[in-house]
């Protein structure tokens, strides 16, 4: 499948064909990207996450949960849904290892992905913020409807 076409997307289940241990990905994300783009790397990762979500055929929250697992980002769980926001928790052994790493870790890629995926599902403009809870090895994502 040629993924160079701008508006082409593909089914989430195709991610199951990918396999990685993650170290190469982490080196690019946490060392090379900040070295190349400096303080702008967090913003770039957020918008990279949004653009990545647009390339997948995401129709349900279950598709998002599946994608997080397939990409090695961890186990995403919807905790609360209110009129103006949704609250998610992300946990996994990979999250624990990232939080214990000696380099700065962030979750902007996942945050951007989550904002865009929910925007596609809900049909409302969304933005996402994340809170890192190192003590309990958990990331909290709060997706706000901005309309």
Protein backbone atom coordinates (compact mmCIF):
# COMPACT_ATOMS: atom_id res chain seq x y z
CA UNK A 1 0.00 0.00 0.00
CA UNK A 2 1.48 3.38 -1.04
CA UNK A 3 1.16 5.77 1.91
CA UNK A 4 2.58 8.77 0.06
CA UNK A 5 -0.83 10.02 -1.03
CA UNK A 6 -1.81 12.91 1.22
CA UNK A 7 -5.45 11.99 1.93
CA UNK A 8 -5.08 8.22 1.95
CA UNK A 9 -5.76 6.40 5.21
CA UNK A 10 -5.57 2.80 6.29
CA UNK A 11 -7.38 0.49 8.72
CA UNK A 12 -6.14 0.39 12.31
CA UNK A 13 -5.77 -3.41 12.23
CA UNK A 14 -2.84 -3.09 9.78
CA UNK A 15 -0.76 -1.87 12.73
CA UNK A 16 -0.83 -5.43 14.03
CA UNK A 17 1.66 -6.31 11.26
CA UNK A 18 4.32 -4.02 12.76
CA UNK A 19 6.74 -5.06 15.48
CA UNK A 20 9.36 -3.10 17.36
CA UNK A 21 11.08 -3.26 20.71
CA UNK A 22 11.02 0.54 20.87
CA UNK A 23 14.64 1.49 21.65
CA UNK A 24 15.33 2.90 18.17
CA UNK A 25 12.08 4.80 18.29
CA UNK A 26 12.91 6.22 21.73
CA UNK A 27 16.38 7.34 20.61
CA UNK A 28 14.84 9.24 17.70
CA UNK A 29 12.08 10.70 19.83
CA UNK A 30 13.91 11.64 23.01
CA UNK A 31 17.45 12.31 21.81
CA UNK A 32 17.64 13.04 18.08
CA UNK A 33 14.45 15.09 17.65
CA UNK A 34 15.14 17.48 20.58
CA UNK A 35 18.74 17.81 19.38
CA UNK A 36 17.53 18.77 15.91
CA UNK A 37 14.55 20.97 16.81
CA UNK A 38 15.26 22.10 20.38
CA UNK A 39 12.28 23.52 22.27
CA UNK A 40 10.08 23.15 19.19
CA UNK A 41 10.23 19.34 19.36
CA UNK A 42 7.26 19.13 21.77
CA UNK A 43 5.07 21.16 19.41
CA UNK A 44 6.23 19.14 16.42
CA UNK A 45 5.44 15.88 18.20
CA UNK A 46 1.94 17.09 19.09
CA UNK A 47 1.17 17.93 15.46
CA UNK A 48 2.87 14.76 14.25
CA UNK A 49 0.49 12.84 16.52
CA UNK A 50 -2.48 14.70 15.03
CA UNK A 51 -1.33 14.03 11.47
CA UNK A 52 -0.74 10.36 12.26
CA UNK A 53 -4.29 9.97 13.59
CA UNK A 54 -5.62 11.38 10.30
CA UNK A 55 -3.88 8.56 8.44
CA UNK A 56 -5.80 5.88 10.33
CA UNK A 57 -9.44 4.91 9.98
CA UNK A 58 -10.43 5.55 13.58
CA UNK A 59 -14.14 5.22 14.23
CA UNK A 60 -14.38 4.33 17.94
CA UNK A 61 -12.59 4.82 21.23
CA UNK A 62 -11.79 1.10 21.03
CA UNK A 63 -9.86 1.84 17.81
CA UNK A 64 -7.82 4.42 19.72
CA UNK A 65 -7.11 1.96 22.56
CA UNK A 66 -6.08 -0.68 20.01
CA UNK A 67 -3.79 1.79 18.24
CA UNK A 68 -2.06 2.84 21.46
CA UNK A 69 -1.37 -0.82 22.23
CA UNK A 70 -0.23 -1.64 18.68
CA UNK A 71 2.16 1.31 18.63
CA UNK A 72 3.67 0.31 21.97
CA UNK A 73 2.41 3.45 23.71
CA UNK A 74 0.68 1.51 26.49
CA UNK A 75 -2.76 0.61 27.79
CA UNK A 76 -5.13 3.56 27.38
CA UNK A 77 -8.30 3.62 29.45
CA UNK A 78 -11.22 6.04 29.30
CA UNK A 79 -11.83 7.05 32.92
CA UNK A 80 -14.42 9.80 32.68
CA UNK A 81 -16.58 11.44 30.03
CA UNK A 82 -18.16 14.83 30.76
CA UNK A 83 -19.97 17.35 28.54
CA UNK A 84 -16.81 19.31 27.78
CA UNK A 85 -13.95 16.82 28.22
CA UNK A 86 -12.82 13.19 28.37
CA UNK A 87 -10.24 11.85 30.82
CA UNK A 88 -7.91 8.97 29.97
CA UNK A 89 -5.16 7.13 31.85
CA UNK A 90 -2.17 5.52 30.17
CA UNK A 91 -0.23 2.76 31.91
CA UNK A 92 2.20 0.05 30.85
CA UNK A 93 5.64 -1.37 31.50
CA UNK A 94 6.87 0.82 28.62
CA UNK A 95 5.49 3.93 30.36
CA UNK A 96 7.25 2.93 33.59
CA UNK A 97 10.55 2.50 31.74
CA UNK A 98 10.14 5.82 29.94
CA UNK A 99 9.44 7.61 33.22
CA UNK A 100 12.52 6.04 34.84
CA UNK A 101 14.80 6.96 31.92
CA UNK A 102 17.68 9.36 32.48
CA UNK A 103 16.53 11.61 29.62
CA UNK A 104 13.50 13.89 29.53
CA UNK A 105 10.38 12.07 28.41
CA UNK A 106 7.14 13.57 27.21
CA UNK A 107 3.84 12.34 25.87
CA UNK A 108 3.08 15.06 23.30
CA UNK A 109 2.87 12.63 20.37
CA UNK A 110 0.24 10.58 22.16
CA UNK A 111 -1.56 13.75 23.26
CA UNK A 112 -1.81 15.07 19.70
CA UNK A 113 -2.90 11.68 18.41
CA UNK A 114 -5.63 11.44 21.03
CA UNK A 115 -6.91 14.97 20.32
CA UNK A 116 -7.20 14.35 16.59
CA UNK A 117 -8.64 10.84 16.91
CA UNK A 118 -11.39 12.07 19.24
CA UNK A 119 -12.04 15.03 16.98
CA UNK A 120 -12.64 12.59 14.13
CA UNK A 121 -14.96 10.42 16.25
CA UNK A 122 -16.90 13.15 18.03
CA UNK A 123 -17.01 15.72 15.22
CA UNK A 124 -15.94 18.44 17.68
CA UNK A 125 -12.70 20.42 17.79
CA UNK A 126 -10.46 18.95 20.49
CA UNK A 127 -7.23 19.78 22.28
CA UNK A 128 -5.41 17.48 24.68
CA UNK A 129 -3.16 18.08 27.66
CA UNK A 130 -1.24 15.49 29.58
CA UNK A 131 -0.14 15.21 33.19
CA UNK A 132 2.70 12.92 34.17
CA UNK A 133 2.31 11.16 37.52
CA UNK A 134 5.75 9.62 38.05
CA UNK A 135 5.03 8.26 41.52
CA UNK A 136 2.24 6.00 40.25
CA UNK A 137 3.73 5.54 36.76
CA UNK A 138 0.67 6.89 35.00
CA UNK A 139 -0.07 9.50 32.37
CA UNK A 140 -3.36 11.37 32.46
CA UNK A 141 -4.75 12.84 29.25
CA UNK A 142 -7.54 15.40 29.36
CA UNK A 143 -9.19 16.00 25.99
CA UNK A 144 -11.19 19.23 25.93
CA UNK A 145 -13.86 20.11 23.40
CA UNK A 146 -12.99 23.62 22.27
CA UNK A 147 -16.26 24.45 20.50
